[in-house]
Amino acid sequence: MSSSDLSSPTFNTIAAILRDDFRVDSAAISPATALTDLGLDSLALMEFVFAVEDAFHLRIPEDRLDPREAGITLQRLCEVIDTESAGATAGLPAEATA
């Protein structure tokens, strides 16, 4: 299953955050939707990224994803999260995974 798949757990979590916390219409949420097209102002966009980071227990390096950059899609966000999650899990000390 690829991260562009609509049923990807990563995408579903992001979509739930957008719907539940930011009141974004479900019809506006798809993998191809650009972050800048979600109707969020710049502060809300940053809050959304923080909410996503908290949900996935990771920090997204700004060089990997700047949410203010035009053209960043939800699919790209999923790809960055999946990559960062894989790296974070591999690099955790044993006590952090318990």
C-alpha atoms as a PDB file:
ATOM      1  CA  MET A   1       0.000   0.000   0.000  1.00  0.00           C
ATOM      2  CA  SER A   2       1.451   3.365  -0.957  1.00  0.00           C
ATOM      3  CA  SER A   3       1.086   6.569   1.023  1.00  0.00           C
ATOM      4  CA  SER A   4      -0.994   7.972  -1.846  1.00  0.00           C
ATOM      5  CA  ASP A   5      -3.630   5.329  -1.087  1.00  0.00           C
ATOM      6  CA  LEU A   6      -6.753   6.947   0.368  1.00  0.00           C
ATOM      7  CA  SER A   7      -6.952   4.237   3.028  1.00  0.00           C
ATOM      8  CA  SER A   8      -3.379   4.732   4.244  1.00  0.00           C
ATOM      9  CA  PRO A   9      -3.324   4.992   8.058  1.00  0.00           C
ATOM     10  CA  THR A  10      -1.095   8.061   7.781  1.00  0.00           C
ATOM     11  CA  PHE A  11      -3.510   9.819   5.417  1.00  0.00           C
ATOM     12  CA  ASN A  12      -6.527   8.839   7.544  1.00  0.00           C
ATOM     13  CA  THR A  13      -4.904  10.315  10.664  1.00  0.00           C
ATOM     14  CA  ILE A  14      -4.061  13.563   8.853  1.00  0.00           C
ATOM     15  CA  ALA A  15      -7.581  13.772   7.410  1.00  0.00           C
ATOM     16  CA  ALA A  16      -9.093  13.250  10.883  1.00  0.00           C
ATOM     17  CA  ILE A  17      -6.940  16.056  12.323  1.00  0.00           C
ATOM     18  CA  LEU A  18      -8.051  18.389   9.530  1.00  0.00           C
ATOM     19  CA  ARG A  19     -11.742  17.484   9.966  1.00  0.00           C
ATOM     20  CA  ASP A  20     -11.898  17.326  13.752  1.00  0.00           C
ATOM     21  CA  ASP A  21      -9.422  19.981  14.883  1.00  0.00           C
ATOM     22  CA  PHE A  22      -9.448  22.441  11.981  1.00  0.00           C
ATOM     23  CA  ARG A  23     -13.012  21.973  10.651  1.00  0.00           C
ATOM     24  CA  VAL A  24     -11.849  21.384   7.071  1.00  0.00           C
ATOM     25  CA  ASP A  25     -14.623  19.972   4.870  1.00  0.00           C
ATOM     26  CA  SER A  26     -14.041  16.278   4.085  1.00  0.00           C
ATOM     27  CA  ALA A  27     -14.654  16.997   0.393  1.00  0.00           C
ATOM     28  CA  ALA A  28     -11.588  19.277   0.383  1.00  0.00           C
ATOM     29  CA  ILE A  29      -9.280  16.584   1.790  1.00  0.00           C
ATOM     30  CA  SER A  30      -7.513  14.355  -0.736  1.00  0.00           C
ATOM     31  CA  PRO A  31      -3.898  13.262  -1.261  1.00  0.00           C
ATOM     32  CA  ALA A  32      -3.554  15.776  -4.111  1.00  0.00           C
ATOM     33  CA  THR A  33      -4.785  18.731  -2.008  1.00  0.00           C
ATOM     34  CA  ALA A  34      -2.049  21.309  -1.437  1.00  0.00           C
ATOM     35  CA  LEU A  35      -1.607  22.443   2.167  1.00  0.00           C
ATOM     36  CA  THR A  36      -2.058  26.018   0.984  1.00  0.00           C
ATOM     37  CA  ASP A  37      -5.472  25.063  -0.488  1.00  0.00           C
ATOM     38  CA  LEU A  38      -6.951  23.846   2.811  1.00  0.00           C
ATOM     39  CA  GLY A  39      -8.259  27.292   3.698  1.00  0.00           C
ATOM     40  CA  LEU A  40      -5.977  27.616   6.722  1.00  0.00           C
ATOM     41  CA  ASP A  41      -4.119  30.847   7.411  1.00  0.00           C
ATOM     42  CA  SER A  42      -0.375  30.660   8.045  1.00  0.00           C
ATOM     43  CA  LEU A  43      -0.780  30.349  11.825  1.00  0.00           C
ATOM     44  CA  ALA A  44      -3.384  27.582  11.500  1.00  0.00           C
ATOM     45  CA  LEU A  45      -1.144  25.829   8.973  1.00  0.00           C
ATOM     46  CA  MET A  46       1.724  25.794  11.479  1.00  0.00           C
ATOM     47  CA  GLU A  47      -0.659  24.589  14.220  1.00  0.00           C
ATOM     48  CA  PHE A  48      -1.796  21.822  11.863  1.00  0.00           C
ATOM     49  CA  VAL A  49       1.806  20.696  11.307  1.00  0.00           C
ATOM     50  CA  PHE A  50       2.400  20.712  15.094  1.00  0.00           C
ATOM     51  CA  ALA A  51      -0.789  18.648  15.591  1.00  0.00           C
ATOM     52  CA  VAL A  52       0.415  16.153  12.965  1.00  0.00           C
ATOM     53  CA  GLU A  53       3.836  15.958  14.619  1.00  0.00           C
ATOM     54  CA  ASP A  54       2.194  15.311  17.996  1.00  0.00           C
ATOM     55  CA  ALA A  55      -0.108  12.647  16.527  1.00  0.00           C
ATOM     56  CA  PHE A  56       2.836  10.779  15.008  1.00  0.00           C
ATOM     57  CA  HIS A  57       5.261  11.533  17.882  1.00  0.00           C
ATOM     58  CA  LEU A  58       7.875  13.034  15.589  1.00  0.00           C
ATOM     59  CA  ARG A  59       9.347  16.324  14.476  1.00  0.00           C
ATOM     60  CA  ILE A  60       9.367  17.142  10.785  1.00  0.00           C
ATOM     61  CA  PRO A  61      12.604  18.943   9.876  1.00  0.00           C
ATOM     62  CA  GLU A  62      11.791  22.208   8.126  1.00  0.00           C
ATOM     63  CA  ASP A  63      14.205  21.308   5.328  1.00  0.00           C
ATOM     64  CA  ARG A  64      12.022  18.249   4.615  1.00  0.00           C
ATOM     65  CA  LEU A  65       8.729  20.139   4.643  1.00  0.00           C
ATOM     66  CA  ASP A  66       7.954  23.829   4.865  1.00  0.00           C
ATOM     67  CA  PRO A  67       4.139  24.032   5.008  1.00  0.00           C
ATOM     68  CA  ARG A  68       4.220  27.579   3.619  1.00  0.00           C
ATOM     69  CA  GLU A  69       5.877  26.337   0.448  1.00  0.00           C
ATOM     70  CA  ALA A  70       3.471  26.276  -2.490  1.00  0.00           C
ATOM     71  CA  GLY A  71       2.628  22.880  -3.919  1.00  0.00           C
ATOM     72  CA  ILE A  72       3.197  20.724  -0.821  1.00  0.00           C
ATOM     73  CA  THR A  73       0.327  18.218  -0.945  1.00  0.00           C
ATOM     74  CA  LEU A  74      -1.187  15.983   1.706  1.00  0.00           C
ATOM     75  CA  GLN A  75       0.389  13.072  -0.167  1.00  0.00           C
ATOM     76  CA  ARG A  76       3.823  14.687   0.212  1.00  0.00           C
ATOM     77  CA  LEU A  77       3.122  15.243   3.907  1.00  0.00           C
ATOM     78  CA  CYS A  78       2.252  11.527   4.228  1.00  0.00           C
ATOM     79  CA  GLU A  79       5.499  10.562   2.476  1.00  0.00           C
ATOM     80  CA  VAL A  80       7.576  12.782   4.777  1.00  0.00           C
ATOM     81  CA  ILE A  81       5.808  11.413   7.870  1.00  0.00           C
ATOM     82  CA  ASP A  82       6.256   7.801   6.739  1.00  0.00           C
ATOM     83  CA  THR A  83       9.968   8.415   6.052  1.00  0.00           C
ATOM     84  CA  GLU A  84      10.523  10.277   9.327  1.00  0.00           C
ATOM     85  CA  SER A  85       8.566   7.631  11.282  1.00  0.00           C
ATOM     86  CA  ALA A  86      10.674   4.835   9.825  1.00  0.00           C
ATOM     87  CA  GLY A  87      13.852   6.742  10.685  1.00  0.00           C
ATOM     88  CA  ALA A  88      12.634   7.721  14.158  1.00  0.00           C
ATOM     89  CA  THR A  89      11.629   4.169  15.026  1.00  0.00           C
ATOM     90  CA  ALA A  90      14.966   2.804  13.840  1.00  0.00           C
ATOM     91  CA  GLY A  91      16.871   5.379  15.866  1.00  0.00           C
ATOM     92  CA  LEU A  92      15.009   5.125  19.174  1.00  0.00           C
ATOM     93  CA  PRO A  93      16.816   3.848  22.232  1.00  0.00           C
ATOM     94  CA  ALA A  94      15.326   0.609  23.598  1.00  0.00           C
ATOM     95  CA  GLU A  95      13.672   2.319  26.578  1.00  0.00           C
ATOM     96  CA  ALA A  96      11.810   4.725  24.282  1.00  0.00           C
ATOM     97  CA  THR A  97      10.053   1.862  22.488  1.00  0.00           C
ATOM     98  CA  ALA A  98       8.880   0.136  25.655  1.00  0.00           C
END
